[in-house]
Amino acid sequence: MTKKEKLVMNYLCNKCQQRRTYLISPQEITLALSKKYVLSIEEIDEIMASLSNENYIDFVVSESKKGYFYCVNLKKSGQTFVLDTKRNRKNFGLLVLRSMFLATVSFVFGIILKAIFK
């Protein structure tokens, strides 16, 4: 998953917090993500299709006088997306700490062995 897809998915998770269907325009998504990235409407269409193919969301494009909107509904994996990313980030941090601890213990053990057999 790319950074842009993660940002769009985070926005959709924040917007669609319950299990209902929400109407979201591509302009809303562009405006919400304009602080980090500049996204075109075509990119958002591609990202939405990609998220749908990865079973995060169900969406249908609906036309109106003001343009078109996405009718977005989060699937099961889309509803747990935020929790999964937090869990992955926590696991990565624990892995780094464990590696640093083991490297330190190995270094100290090497110094002790070097002092004994010198």
PDB file of N, CA and C in Angstrom:
ATOM      1  N   MET A   1       0.843  -1.166   0.000  1.00  0.00           N
ATOM      2  CA  MET A   1       0.000   0.000   0.000  1.00  0.00           C
ATOM      3  C   MET A   1       0.899   1.243   0.000  1.00  0.00           C
ATOM      4  N   THR A   2       0.624   2.180  -0.882  1.00  0.00           N
ATOM      5  CA  THR A   2       1.434   3.386  -0.988  1.00  0.00           C
ATOM      6  C   THR A   2       1.036   4.393   0.087  1.00  0.00           C
ATOM      7  N   LYS A   3       1.857   5.439   0.228  1.00  0.00           N
ATOM      8  CA  LYS A   3       1.566   6.467   1.234  1.00  0.00           C
ATOM      9  C   LYS A   3       0.258   7.192   0.931  1.00  0.00           C
ATOM     10  N   LYS A   4       0.022   7.449  -0.332  1.00  0.00           N
ATOM     11  CA  LYS A   4      -1.208   8.139  -0.711  1.00  0.00           C
ATOM     12  C   LYS A   4      -2.427   7.278  -0.404  1.00  0.00           C
ATOM     13  N   GLU A   5      -2.320   5.992  -0.671  1.00  0.00           N
ATOM     14  CA  GLU A   5      -3.435   5.092  -0.362  1.00  0.00           C
ATOM     15  C   GLU A   5      -3.679   5.025   1.141  1.00  0.00           C
ATOM     16  N   LYS A   6      -2.604   5.016   1.933  1.00  0.00           N
ATOM     17  CA  LYS A   6      -2.759   5.001   3.391  1.00  0.00           C
ATOM     18  C   LYS A   6      -3.428   6.278   3.886  1.00  0.00           C
ATOM     19  N   LEU A   7      -3.040   7.414   3.314  1.00  0.00           N
ATOM     20  CA  LEU A   7      -3.664   8.678   3.717  1.00  0.00           C
ATOM     21  C   LEU A   7      -5.141   8.711   3.371  1.00  0.00           C
ATOM     22  N   VAL A   8      -5.484   8.259   2.171  1.00  0.00           N
ATOM     23  CA  VAL A   8      -6.893   8.224   1.766  1.00  0.00           C
ATOM     24  C   VAL A   8      -7.660   7.255   2.656  1.00  0.00           C
ATOM     25  N   MET A   9      -7.066   6.117   2.971  1.00  0.00           N
ATOM     26  CA  MET A   9      -7.744   5.142   3.821  1.00  0.00           C
ATOM     27  C   MET A   9      -7.933   5.681   5.235  1.00  0.00           C
ATOM     28  N   ASN A  10      -6.933   6.387   5.772  1.00  0.00           N
ATOM     29  CA  ASN A  10      -7.086   7.010   7.092  1.00  0.00           C
ATOM     30  C   ASN A  10      -8.202   8.047   7.081  1.00  0.00           C
ATOM     31  N   TYR A  11      -8.283   8.825   6.010  1.00  0.00           N
ATOM     32  CA  TYR A  11      -9.347   9.823   5.907  1.00  0.00           C
ATOM     33  C   TYR A  11     -10.715   9.144   5.861  1.00  0.00           C
ATOM     34  N   LEU A  12     -10.819   8.088   5.076  1.00  0.00           N
ATOM     35  CA  LEU A  12     -12.089   7.371   4.970  1.00  0.00           C
ATOM     36  C   LEU A  12     -12.474   6.719   6.299  1.00  0.00           C
ATOM     37  N   CYS A  13     -11.494   6.195   7.026  1.00  0.00           N
ATOM     38  CA  CYS A  13     -11.791   5.589   8.335  1.00  0.00           C
ATOM     39  C   CYS A  13     -12.273   6.638   9.326  1.00  0.00           C
ATOM     40  N   ASN A  14     -11.684   7.825   9.280  1.00  0.00           N
ATOM     41  CA  ASN A  14     -12.131   8.893  10.183  1.00  0.00           C
ATOM     42  C   ASN A  14     -13.503   9.419   9.803  1.00  0.00           C
ATOM     43  N   LYS A  15     -13.780   9.477   8.520  1.00  0.00           N
ATOM     44  CA  LYS A  15     -15.054   9.993   8.041  1.00  0.00           C
ATOM     45  C   LYS A  15     -16.185   8.977   8.233  1.00  0.00           C
ATOM     46  N   CYS A  16     -15.922   7.728   7.952  1.00  0.00           N
ATOM     47  CA  CYS A  16     -16.939   6.676   8.003  1.00  0.00           C
ATOM     48  C   CYS A  16     -16.749   5.836   9.265  1.00  0.00           C
ATOM     49  N   GLN A  17     -16.956   6.417  10.408  1.00  0.00           N
ATOM     50  CA  GLN A  17     -16.654   5.714  11.652  1.00  0.00           C
ATOM     51  C   GLN A  17     -17.659   4.623  11.987  1.00  0.00           C
ATOM     52  N   GLN A  18     -18.879   4.766  11.578  1.00  0.00           N
ATOM     53  CA  GLN A  18     -19.846   3.711  11.846  1.00  0.00           C
ATOM     54  C   GLN A  18     -20.023   2.875  10.590  1.00  0.00           C
ATOM     55  N   ARG A  19     -20.896   1.911  10.642  1.00  0.00           N
ATOM     56  CA  ARG A  19     -21.040   0.966   9.531  1.00  0.00           C
ATOM     57  C   ARG A  19     -22.014   1.444   8.469  1.00  0.00           C
ATOM     58  N   ARG A  20     -22.252   2.730   8.399  1.00  0.00           N
ATOM     59  CA  ARG A  20     -23.175   3.250   7.396  1.00  0.00           C
ATOM     60  C   ARG A  20     -22.429   3.635   6.125  1.00  0.00           C
ATOM     61  N   THR A  21     -23.205   3.941   5.103  1.00  0.00           N
ATOM     62  CA  THR A  21     -22.653   4.403   3.836  1.00  0.00           C
ATOM     63  C   THR A  21     -22.609   5.920   3.846  1.00  0.00           C
ATOM     64  N   TYR A  22     -21.498   6.481   3.404  1.00  0.00           N
ATOM     65  CA  TYR A  22     -21.319   7.927   3.390  1.00  0.00           C
ATOM     66  C   TYR A  22     -21.084   8.420   1.973  1.00  0.00           C
ATOM     67  N   LEU A  23     -21.575   9.620   1.705  1.00  0.00           N
ATOM     68  CA  LEU A  23     -21.318  10.284   0.426  1.00  0.00           C
ATOM     69  C   LEU A  23     -20.106  11.188   0.607  1.00  0.00           C
ATOM     70  N   ILE A  24     -19.099  10.945  -0.187  1.00  0.00           N
ATOM     71  CA  ILE A  24     -17.864  11.730  -0.111  1.00  0.00           C
ATOM     72  C   ILE A  24     -17.483  12.129  -1.528  1.00  0.00           C
ATOM     73  N   SER A  25     -17.208  13.399  -1.716  1.00  0.00           N
ATOM     74  CA  SER A  25     -16.796  13.854  -3.042  1.00  0.00           C
ATOM     75  C   SER A  25     -15.272  13.764  -3.165  1.00  0.00           C
ATOM     76  N   PRO A  26     -14.766  13.612  -4.368  1.00  0.00           N
ATOM     77  CA  PRO A  26     -13.311  13.588  -4.559  1.00  0.00           C
ATOM     78  C   PRO A  26     -12.663  14.913  -4.147  1.00  0.00           C
ATOM     79  N   GLN A  27     -13.411  16.009  -4.265  1.00  0.00           N
ATOM     80  CA  GLN A  27     -12.884  17.306  -3.849  1.00  0.00           C
ATOM     81  C   GLN A  27     -12.659  17.350  -2.345  1.00  0.00           C
ATOM     82  N   GLU A  28     -13.534  16.698  -1.565  1.00  0.00           N
ATOM     83  CA  GLU A  28     -13.354  16.634  -0.113  1.00  0.00           C
ATOM     84  C   GLU A  28     -12.051  15.914   0.229  1.00  0.00           C
ATOM     85  N   ILE A  29     -11.808  14.813  -0.448  1.00  0.00           N
ATOM     86  CA  ILE A  29     -10.591  14.046  -0.197  1.00  0.00           C
ATOM     87  C   ILE A  29      -9.367  14.862  -0.585  1.00  0.00           C
ATOM     88  N   THR A  30      -9.435  15.518  -1.729  1.00  0.00           N
ATOM     89  CA  THR A  30      -8.323  16.347  -2.177  1.00  0.00           C
ATOM     90  C   THR A  30      -8.049  17.470  -1.193  1.00  0.00           C
ATOM     91  N   LEU A  31      -9.097  18.111  -0.724  1.00  0.00           N
ATOM     92  CA  LEU A  31      -8.953  19.214   0.226  1.00  0.00           C
ATOM     93  C   LEU A  31      -8.383  18.724   1.553  1.00  0.00           C
ATOM     94  N   ALA A  32      -8.826  17.564   2.020  1.00  0.00           N
ATOM     95  CA  ALA A  32      -8.352  17.047   3.301  1.00  0.00           C
ATOM     96  C   ALA A  32      -6.886  16.625   3.248  1.00  0.00           C
ATOM     97  N   LEU A  33      -6.437  16.148   2.108  1.00  0.00           N
ATOM     98  CA  LEU A  33      -5.063  15.657   1.980  1.00  0.00           C
ATOM     99  C   LEU A  33      -4.123  16.661   1.340  1.00  0.00           C
ATOM    100  N   SER A  34      -4.602  17.884   1.088  1.00  0.00           N
ATOM    101  CA  SER A  34      -3.786  18.872   0.389  1.00  0.00           C
ATOM    102  C   SER A  34      -2.600  19.350   1.217  1.00  0.00           C
ATOM    103  N   LYS A  35      -2.603  19.131   2.531  1.00  0.00           N
ATOM    104  CA  LYS A  35      -1.478  19.547   3.361  1.00  0.00           C
ATOM    105  C   LYS A  35      -0.248  18.692   3.103  1.00  0.00           C
ATOM    106  N   LYS A  36      -0.451  17.422   2.767  1.00  0.00           N
ATOM    107  CA  LYS A  36       0.675  16.515   2.557  1.00  0.00           C
ATOM    108  C   LYS A  36       0.965  16.271   1.076  1.00  0.00           C
ATOM    109  N   TYR A  37      -0.093  16.033   0.299  1.00  0.00           N
ATOM    110  CA  TYR A  37       0.069  15.702  -1.112  1.00  0.00           C
ATOM    111  C   TYR A  37      -0.955  16.466  -1.943  1.00  0.00           C
ATOM    112  N   VAL A  38      -0.593  16.689  -3.182  1.00  0.00           N
ATOM    113  CA  VAL A  38      -1.538  17.242  -4.145  1.00  0.00           C
ATOM    114  C   VAL A  38      -2.016  16.076  -4.997  1.00  0.00           C
ATOM    115  N   LEU A  39      -3.300  15.778  -4.872  1.00  0.00           N
ATOM    116  CA  LEU A  39      -3.880  14.661  -5.601  1.00  0.00           C
ATOM    117  C   LEU A  39      -4.858  15.169  -6.642  1.00  0.00           C
ATOM    118  N   SER A  40      -4.796  14.582  -7.809  1.00  0.00           N
ATOM    119  CA  SER A  40      -5.774  14.915  -8.831  1.00  0.00           C
ATOM    120  C   SER A  40      -6.976  13.989  -8.686  1.00  0.00           C
ATOM    121  N   ILE A  41      -8.044  14.330  -9.366  1.00  0.00           N
ATOM    122  CA  ILE A  41      -9.260  13.525  -9.311  1.00  0.00           C
ATOM    123  C   ILE A  41      -9.002  12.136  -9.895  1.00  0.00           C
ATOM    124  N   GLU A  42      -8.176  12.060 -10.941  1.00  0.00           N
ATOM    125  CA  GLU A  42      -7.866  10.774 -11.550  1.00  0.00           C
ATOM    126  C   GLU A  42      -7.097   9.881 -10.583  1.00  0.00           C
ATOM    127  N   GLU A  43      -6.161  10.489  -9.829  1.00  0.00           N
ATOM    128  CA  GLU A  43      -5.418   9.707  -8.841  1.00  0.00           C
ATOM    129  C   GLU A  43      -6.340   9.175  -7.753  1.00  0.00           C
ATOM    130  N   ILE A  44      -7.281   9.989  -7.333  1.00  0.00           N
ATOM    131  CA  ILE A  44      -8.217   9.552  -6.298  1.00  0.00           C
ATOM    132  C   ILE A  44      -9.088   8.416  -6.829  1.00  0.00           C
ATOM    133  N   ASP A  45      -9.508   8.519  -8.098  1.00  0.00           N
ATOM    134  CA  ASP A  45     -10.277   7.427  -8.703  1.00  0.00           C
ATOM    135  C   ASP A  45      -9.474   6.119  -8.693  1.00  0.00           C
ATOM    136  N   GLU A  46      -8.193   6.203  -9.045  1.00  0.00           N
ATOM    137  CA  GLU A  46      -7.342   5.023  -9.059  1.00  0.00           C
ATOM    138  C   GLU A  46      -7.142   4.464  -7.652  1.00  0.00           C
ATOM    139  N   ILE A  47      -6.954   5.352  -6.687  1.00  0.00           N
ATOM    140  CA  ILE A  47      -6.752   4.923  -5.306  1.00  0.00           C
ATOM    141  C   ILE A  47      -8.010   4.251  -4.774  1.00  0.00           C
ATOM    142  N   MET A  48      -9.165   4.822  -5.075  1.00  0.00           N
ATOM    143  CA  MET A  48     -10.423   4.230  -4.608  1.00  0.00           C
ATOM    144  C   MET A  48     -10.620   2.848  -5.231  1.00  0.00           C
ATOM    145  N   ALA A  49     -10.305   2.711  -6.504  1.00  0.00           N
ATOM    146  CA  ALA A  49     -10.419   1.404  -7.160  1.00  0.00           C
ATOM    147  C   ALA A  49      -9.442   0.407  -6.548  1.00  0.00           C
ATOM    148  N   SER A  50      -8.240   0.864  -6.240  1.00  0.00           N
ATOM    149  CA  SER A  50      -7.242   0.000  -5.623  1.00  0.00           C
ATOM    150  C   SER A  50      -7.680  -0.448  -4.230  1.00  0.00           C
ATOM    151  N   LEU A  51      -8.215   0.467  -3.444  1.00  0.00           N
ATOM    152  CA  LEU A  51      -8.701   0.112  -2.107  1.00  0.00           C
ATOM    153  C   LEU A  51      -9.878  -0.854  -2.186  1.00  0.00           C
ATOM    154  N   SER A  52     -10.698  -0.700  -3.195  1.00  0.00           N
ATOM    155  CA  SER A  52     -11.809  -1.612  -3.394  1.00  0.00           C
ATOM    156  C   SER A  52     -11.311  -3.003  -3.789  1.00  0.00           C
ATOM    157  N   ASN A  53     -10.287  -3.061  -4.632  1.00  0.00           N
ATOM    158  CA  ASN A  53      -9.721  -4.346  -5.044  1.00  0.00           C
ATOM    159  C   ASN A  53      -9.030  -5.061  -3.891  1.00  0.00           C
ATOM    160  N   GLU A  54      -8.495  -4.291  -2.930  1.00  0.00           N
ATOM    161  CA  GLU A  54      -7.815  -4.867  -1.776  1.00  0.00           C
ATOM    162  C   GLU A  54      -8.786  -5.185  -0.637  1.00  0.00           C
ATOM    163  N   ASN A  55     -10.090  -5.062  -0.894  1.00  0.00           N
ATOM    164  CA  ASN A  55     -11.160  -5.392   0.055  1.00  0.00           C
ATOM    165  C   ASN A  55     -11.148  -4.536   1.318  1.00  0.00           C
ATOM    166  N   TYR A  56     -10.819  -3.255   1.170  1.00  0.00           N
ATOM    167  CA  TYR A  56     -10.935  -2.327   2.289  1.00  0.00           C
ATOM    168  C   TYR A  56     -12.275  -1.597   2.262  1.00  0.00           C
ATOM    169  N   ILE A  57     -12.760  -1.285   1.059  1.00  0.00           N
ATOM    170  CA  ILE A  57     -13.987  -0.504   0.940  1.00  0.00           C
ATOM    171  C   ILE A  57     -14.869  -1.065  -0.169  1.00  0.00           C
ATOM    172  N   ASP A  58     -16.132  -0.723  -0.073  1.00  0.00           N
ATOM    173  CA  ASP A  58     -17.072  -0.855  -1.186  1.00  0.00           C
ATOM    174  C   ASP A  58     -17.447   0.566  -1.567  1.00  0.00           C
ATOM    175  N   PHE A  59     -17.416   0.867  -2.840  1.00  0.00           N
ATOM    176  CA  PHE A  59     -17.836   2.203  -3.245  1.00  0.00           C
ATOM    177  C   PHE A  59     -18.535   2.153  -4.585  1.00  0.00           C
ATOM    178  N   VAL A  60     -19.455   3.099  -4.738  1.00  0.00           N
ATOM    179  CA  VAL A  60     -20.192   3.255  -5.987  1.00  0.00           C
ATOM    180  C   VAL A  60     -20.129   4.736  -6.325  1.00  0.00           C
ATOM    181  N   VAL A  61     -19.941   5.049  -7.578  1.00  0.00           N
ATOM    182  CA  VAL A  61     -19.918   6.440  -8.021  1.00  0.00           C
ATOM    183  C   VAL A  61     -21.338   6.859  -8.346  1.00  0.00           C
ATOM    184  N   SER A  62     -21.780   7.958  -7.734  1.00  0.00           N
ATOM    185  CA  SER A  62     -23.121   8.458  -8.023  1.00  0.00           C
ATOM    186  C   SER A  62     -23.010   9.876  -8.580  1.00  0.00           C
ATOM    187  N   GLU A  63     -23.764  10.120  -9.612  1.00  0.00           N
ATOM    188  CA  GLU A  63     -23.769  11.418 -10.289  1.00  0.00           C
ATOM    189  C   GLU A  63     -24.823  12.333  -9.671  1.00  0.00           C
ATOM    190  N   SER A  64     -24.507  13.633  -9.651  1.00  0.00           N
ATOM    191  CA  SER A  64     -25.485  14.631  -9.227  1.00  0.00           C
ATOM    192  C   SER A  64     -25.228  15.914 -10.006  1.00  0.00           C
ATOM    193  N   LYS A  65     -26.010  16.934  -9.726  1.00  0.00           N
ATOM    194  CA  LYS A  65     -25.831  18.200 -10.429  1.00  0.00           C
ATOM    195  C   LYS A  65     -24.525  18.881 -10.052  1.00  0.00           C
ATOM    196  N   LYS A  66     -24.031  18.613  -8.845  1.00  0.00           N
ATOM    197  CA  LYS A  66     -22.800  19.249  -8.360  1.00  0.00           C
ATOM    198  C   LYS A  66     -21.546  18.459  -8.712  1.00  0.00           C
ATOM    199  N   GLY A  67     -21.659  17.432  -9.476  1.00  0.00           N
ATOM    200  CA  GLY A  67     -20.525  16.587  -9.821  1.00  0.00           C
ATOM    201  C   GLY A  67     -20.821  15.151  -9.446  1.00  0.00           C
ATOM    202  N   TYR A  68     -19.790  14.407  -9.149  1.00  0.00           N
ATOM    203  CA  TYR A  68     -20.030  13.031  -8.727  1.00  0.00           C
ATOM    204  C   TYR A  68     -19.478  12.810  -7.330  1.00  0.00           C
ATOM    205  N   PHE A  69     -20.089  11.845  -6.653  1.00  0.00           N
ATOM    206  CA  PHE A  69     -19.744  11.501  -5.287  1.00  0.00           C
ATOM    207  C   PHE A  69     -19.467  10.008  -5.211  1.00  0.00           C
ATOM    208  N   TYR A  70     -18.718   9.623  -4.185  1.00  0.00           N
ATOM    209  CA  TYR A  70     -18.509   8.217  -3.885  1.00  0.00           C
ATOM    210  C   TYR A  70     -19.452   7.834  -2.751  1.00  0.00           C
ATOM    211  N   CYS A  71     -20.172   6.756  -2.925  1.00  0.00           N
ATOM    212  CA  CYS A  71     -20.940   6.158  -1.826  1.00  0.00           C
ATOM    213  C   CYS A  71     -20.026   5.093  -1.228  1.00  0.00           C
ATOM    214  N   VAL A  72     -19.442   5.415  -0.071  1.00  0.00           N
ATOM    215  CA  VAL A  72     -18.391   4.588   0.508  1.00  0.00           C
ATOM    216  C   VAL A  72     -18.923   3.826   1.713  1.00  0.00           C
ATOM    217  N   ASN A  73     -18.604   2.546   1.752  1.00  0.00           N
ATOM    218  CA  ASN A  73     -18.919   1.701   2.890  1.00  0.00           C
ATOM    219  C   ASN A  73     -17.655   0.908   3.221  1.00  0.00           C
ATOM    220  N   LEU A  74     -17.220   0.953   4.479  1.00  0.00           N
ATOM    221  CA  LEU A  74     -16.019   0.231   4.882  1.00  0.00           C
ATOM    222  C   LEU A  74     -16.323  -1.250   5.065  1.00  0.00           C
ATOM    223  N   LYS A  75     -15.433  -2.078   4.546  1.00  0.00           N
ATOM    224  CA  LYS A  75     -15.529  -3.508   4.780  1.00  0.00           C
ATOM    225  C   LYS A  75     -14.864  -3.835   6.117  1.00  0.00           C
ATOM    226  N   LYS A  76     -14.844  -5.100   6.480  1.00  0.00           N
ATOM    227  CA  LYS A  76     -14.300  -5.525   7.772  1.00  0.00           C
ATOM    228  C   LYS A  76     -12.830  -5.126   7.913  1.00  0.00           C
ATOM    229  N   SER A  77     -12.035  -5.369   6.882  1.00  0.00           N
ATOM    230  CA  SER A  77     -10.616  -5.010   6.955  1.00  0.00           C
ATOM    231  C   SER A  77     -10.427  -3.496   6.929  1.00  0.00           C
ATOM    232  N   GLY A  78     -11.360  -2.769   6.337  1.00  0.00           N
ATOM    233  CA  GLY A  78     -11.292  -1.317   6.350  1.00  0.00           C
ATOM    234  C   GLY A  78     -11.619  -0.742   7.714  1.00  0.00           C
ATOM    235  N   GLN A  79     -12.511  -1.403   8.440  1.00  0.00           N
ATOM    236  CA  GLN A  79     -12.873  -0.926   9.766  1.00  0.00           C
ATOM    237  C   GLN A  79     -11.736  -1.128  10.764  1.00  0.00           C
ATOM    238  N   THR A  80     -10.920  -2.148  10.565  1.00  0.00           N
ATOM    239  CA  THR A  80      -9.807  -2.407  11.475  1.00  0.00           C
ATOM    240  C   THR A  80      -8.484  -1.848  10.957  1.00  0.00           C
ATOM    241  N   PHE A  81      -8.517  -1.045   9.909  1.00  0.00           N
ATOM    242  CA  PHE A  81      -7.292  -0.541   9.289  1.00  0.00           C
ATOM    243  C   PHE A  81      -6.460   0.284  10.264  1.00  0.00           C
ATOM    244  N   VAL A  82      -7.072   1.191  11.003  1.00  0.00           N
ATOM    245  CA  VAL A  82      -6.343   2.069  11.918  1.00  0.00           C
ATOM    246  C   VAL A  82      -5.704   1.247  13.035  1.00  0.00           C
ATOM    247  N   LEU A  83      -6.451   0.309  13.580  1.00  0.00           N
ATOM    248  CA  LEU A  83      -5.901  -0.539  14.643  1.00  0.00           C
ATOM    249  C   LEU A  83      -4.759  -1.409  14.137  1.00  0.00           C
ATOM    250  N   ASP A  84      -4.891  -1.905  12.919  1.00  0.00           N
ATOM    251  CA  ASP A  84      -3.831  -2.738  12.339  1.00  0.00           C
ATOM    252  C   ASP A  84      -2.558  -1.938  12.115  1.00  0.00           C
ATOM    253  N   THR A  85      -2.675  -0.700  11.654  1.00  0.00           N
ATOM    254  CA  THR A  85      -1.476   0.114  11.428  1.00  0.00           C
ATOM    255  C   THR A  85      -0.807   0.463  12.759  1.00  0.00           C
ATOM    256  N   LYS A  86      -1.609   0.746  13.800  1.00  0.00           N
ATOM    257  CA  LYS A  86      -1.021   1.019  15.117  1.00  0.00           C
ATOM    258  C   LYS A  86      -0.311  -0.219  15.655  1.00  0.00           C
ATOM    259  N   ARG A  87      -0.928  -1.377  15.480  1.00  0.00           N
ATOM    260  CA  ARG A  87      -0.332  -2.627  15.946  1.00  0.00           C
ATOM    261  C   ARG A  87       0.962  -2.915  15.200  1.00  0.00           C
ATOM    262  N   ASN A  88       0.985  -2.689  13.887  1.00  0.00           N
ATOM    263  CA  ASN A  88       2.201  -2.917  13.103  1.00  0.00           C
ATOM    264  C   ASN A  88       3.312  -1.971  13.522  1.00  0.00           C
ATOM    265  N   ARG A  89       2.975  -0.716  13.782  1.00  0.00           N
ATOM    266  CA  ARG A  89       3.958   0.268  14.215  1.00  0.00           C
ATOM    267  C   ARG A  89       4.532  -0.117  15.586  1.00  0.00           C
ATOM    268  N   LYS A  90       3.679  -0.579  16.488  1.00  0.00           N
ATOM    269  CA  LYS A  90       4.119  -0.999  17.814  1.00  0.00           C
ATOM    270  C   LYS A  90       5.026  -2.218  17.713  1.00  0.00           C
ATOM    271  N   ASN A  91       4.647  -3.192  16.893  1.00  0.00           N
ATOM    272  CA  ASN A  91       5.471  -4.390  16.715  1.00  0.00           C
ATOM    273  C   ASN A  91       6.831  -4.053  16.128  1.00  0.00           C
ATOM    274  N   PHE A  92       6.874  -3.103  15.203  1.00  0.00           N
ATOM    275  CA  PHE A  92       8.145  -2.686  14.620  1.00  0.00           C
ATOM    276  C   PHE A  92       9.028  -2.031  15.673  1.00  0.00           C
ATOM    277  N   GLY A  93       8.448  -1.181  16.506  1.00  0.00           N
ATOM    278  CA  GLY A  93       9.214  -0.540  17.579  1.00  0.00           C
ATOM    279  C   GLY A  93       9.765  -1.556  18.558  1.00  0.00           C
ATOM    280  N   LEU A  94       8.957  -2.557  18.920  1.00  0.00           N
ATOM    281  CA  LEU A  94       9.429  -3.595  19.826  1.00  0.00           C
ATOM    282  C   LEU A  94      10.536  -4.432  19.193  1.00  0.00           C
ATOM    283  N   LEU A  95      10.444  -4.668  17.910  1.00  0.00           N
ATOM    284  CA  LEU A  95      11.479  -5.415  17.198  1.00  0.00           C
ATOM    285  C   LEU A  95      12.803  -4.649  17.204  1.00  0.00           C
ATOM    286  N   VAL A  96      12.744  -3.340  16.998  1.00  0.00           N
ATOM    287  CA  VAL A  96      13.956  -2.516  17.017  1.00  0.00           C
ATOM    288  C   VAL A  96      14.561  -2.512  18.412  1.00  0.00           C
ATOM    289  N   LEU A  97      13.736  -2.341  19.449  1.00  0.00           N
ATOM    290  CA  LEU A  97      14.248  -2.343  20.822  1.00  0.00           C
ATOM    291  C   LEU A  97      14.871  -3.686  21.182  1.00  0.00           C
ATOM    292  N   ARG A  98      14.241  -4.771  20.781  1.00  0.00           N
ATOM    293  CA  ARG A  98      14.778  -6.100  21.072  1.00  0.00           C
ATOM    294  C   ARG A  98      16.119  -6.300  20.373  1.00  0.00           C
ATOM    295  N   SER A  99      16.224  -5.836  19.147  1.00  0.00           N
ATOM    296  CA  SER A  99      17.486  -5.968  18.407  1.00  0.00           C
ATOM    297  C   SER A  99      18.593  -5.155  19.061  1.00  0.00           C
ATOM    298  N   MET A 100      18.259  -3.946  19.519  1.00  0.00           N
ATOM    299  CA  MET A 100      19.261  -3.117  20.201  1.00  0.00           C
ATOM    300  C   MET A 100      19.703  -3.773  21.512  1.00  0.00           C
ATOM    301  N   PHE A 101      18.765  -4.350  22.260  1.00  0.00           N
ATOM    302  CA  PHE A 101      19.092  -5.017  23.513  1.00  0.00           C
ATOM    303  C   PHE A 101      20.002  -6.207  23.263  1.00  0.00           C
ATOM    304  N   LEU A 102      19.667  -7.025  22.273  1.00  0.00           N
ATOM    305  CA  LEU A 102      20.494  -8.192  21.971  1.00  0.00           C
ATOM    306  C   LEU A 102      21.883  -7.799  21.480  1.00  0.00           C
ATOM    307  N   ALA A 103      21.979  -6.724  20.720  1.00  0.00           N
ATOM    308  CA  ALA A 103      23.288  -6.247  20.261  1.00  0.00           C
ATOM    309  C   ALA A 103      24.130  -5.770  21.441  1.00  0.00           C
ATOM    310  N   THR A 104      23.505  -5.085  22.386  1.00  0.00           N
ATOM    311  CA  THR A 104      24.227  -4.612  23.569  1.00  0.00           C
ATOM    312  C   THR A 104      24.695  -5.775  24.427  1.00  0.00           C
ATOM    313  N   VAL A 105      23.842  -6.758  24.651  1.00  0.00           N
ATOM    314  CA  VAL A 105      24.215  -7.932  25.441  1.00  0.00           C
ATOM    315  C   VAL A 105      25.343  -8.687  24.749  1.00  0.00           C
ATOM    316  N   SER A 106      25.282  -8.822  23.455  1.00  0.00           N
ATOM    317  CA  SER A 106      26.322  -9.508  22.698  1.00  0.00           C
ATOM    318  C   SER A 106      27.652  -8.764  22.813  1.00  0.00           C
ATOM    319  N   PHE A 107      27.600  -7.443  22.746  1.00  0.00           N
ATOM    320  CA  PHE A 107      28.817  -6.638  22.865  1.00  0.00           C
ATOM    321  C   PHE A 107      29.440  -6.814  24.243  1.00  0.00           C
ATOM    322  N   VAL A 108      28.634  -6.730  25.298  1.00  0.00           N
ATOM    323  CA  VAL A 108      29.136  -6.877  26.664  1.00  0.00           C
ATOM    324  C   VAL A 108      29.694  -8.287  26.874  1.00  0.00           C
ATOM    325  N   PHE A 109      28.995  -9.293  26.372  1.00  0.00           N
ATOM    326  CA  PHE A 109      29.464 -10.668  26.492  1.00  0.00           C
ATOM    327  C   PHE A 109      30.797 -10.843  25.765  1.00  0.00           C
ATOM    328  N   GLY A 110      30.961 -10.214  24.620  1.00  0.00           N
ATOM    329  CA  GLY A 110      32.224 -10.276  23.877  1.00  0.00           C
ATOM    330  C   GLY A 110      33.363  -9.629  24.641  1.00  0.00           C
ATOM    331  N   ILE A 111      33.098  -8.506  25.301  1.00  0.00           N
ATOM    332  CA  ILE A 111      34.131  -7.832  26.084  1.00  0.00           C
ATOM    333  C   ILE A 111      34.530  -8.701  27.272  1.00  0.00           C
ATOM    334  N   ILE A 112      33.558  -9.337  27.921  1.00  0.00           N
ATOM    335  CA  ILE A 112      33.865 -10.206  29.058  1.00  0.00           C
ATOM    336  C   ILE A 112      34.707 -11.398  28.607  1.00  0.00           C
ATOM    337  N   LEU A 113      34.338 -12.021  27.508  1.00  0.00           N
ATOM    338  CA  LEU A 113      35.126 -13.163  27.002  1.00  0.00           C
ATOM    339  C   LEU A 113      36.539 -12.743  26.598  1.00  0.00           C
ATOM    340  N   LYS A 114      36.643 -11.558  26.042  1.00  0.00           N
ATOM    341  CA  LYS A 114      37.950 -11.046  25.630  1.00  0.00           C
ATOM    342  C   LYS A 114      38.834 -10.810  26.845  1.00  0.00           C
ATOM    343  N   ALA A 115      38.254 -10.297  27.943  1.00  0.00           N
ATOM    344  CA  ALA A 115      39.009 -10.054  29.163  1.00  0.00           C
ATOM    345  C   ALA A 115      39.420 -11.359  29.821  1.00  0.00           C
ATOM    346  N   ILE A 116      38.575 -12.378  29.744  1.00  0.00           N
ATOM    347  CA  ILE A 116      38.890 -13.669  30.375  1.00  0.00           C
ATOM    348  C   ILE A 116      40.018 -14.389  29.630  1.00  0.00           C
ATOM    349  N   PHE A 117      39.962 -14.424  28.321  1.00  0.00           N
ATOM    350  CA  PHE A 117      40.921 -15.197  27.531  1.00  0.00           C
ATOM    351  C   PHE A 117      42.098 -14.372  27.010  1.00  0.00           C
ATOM    352  N   LYS A 118      42.352 -13.242  27.580  1.00  0.00           N
ATOM    353  CA  LYS A 118      43.439 -12.390  27.113  1.00  0.00           C
ATOM    354  C   LYS A 118      44.739 -12.827  27.647  1.00  0.00           C
TER     355      LYS A 118
END
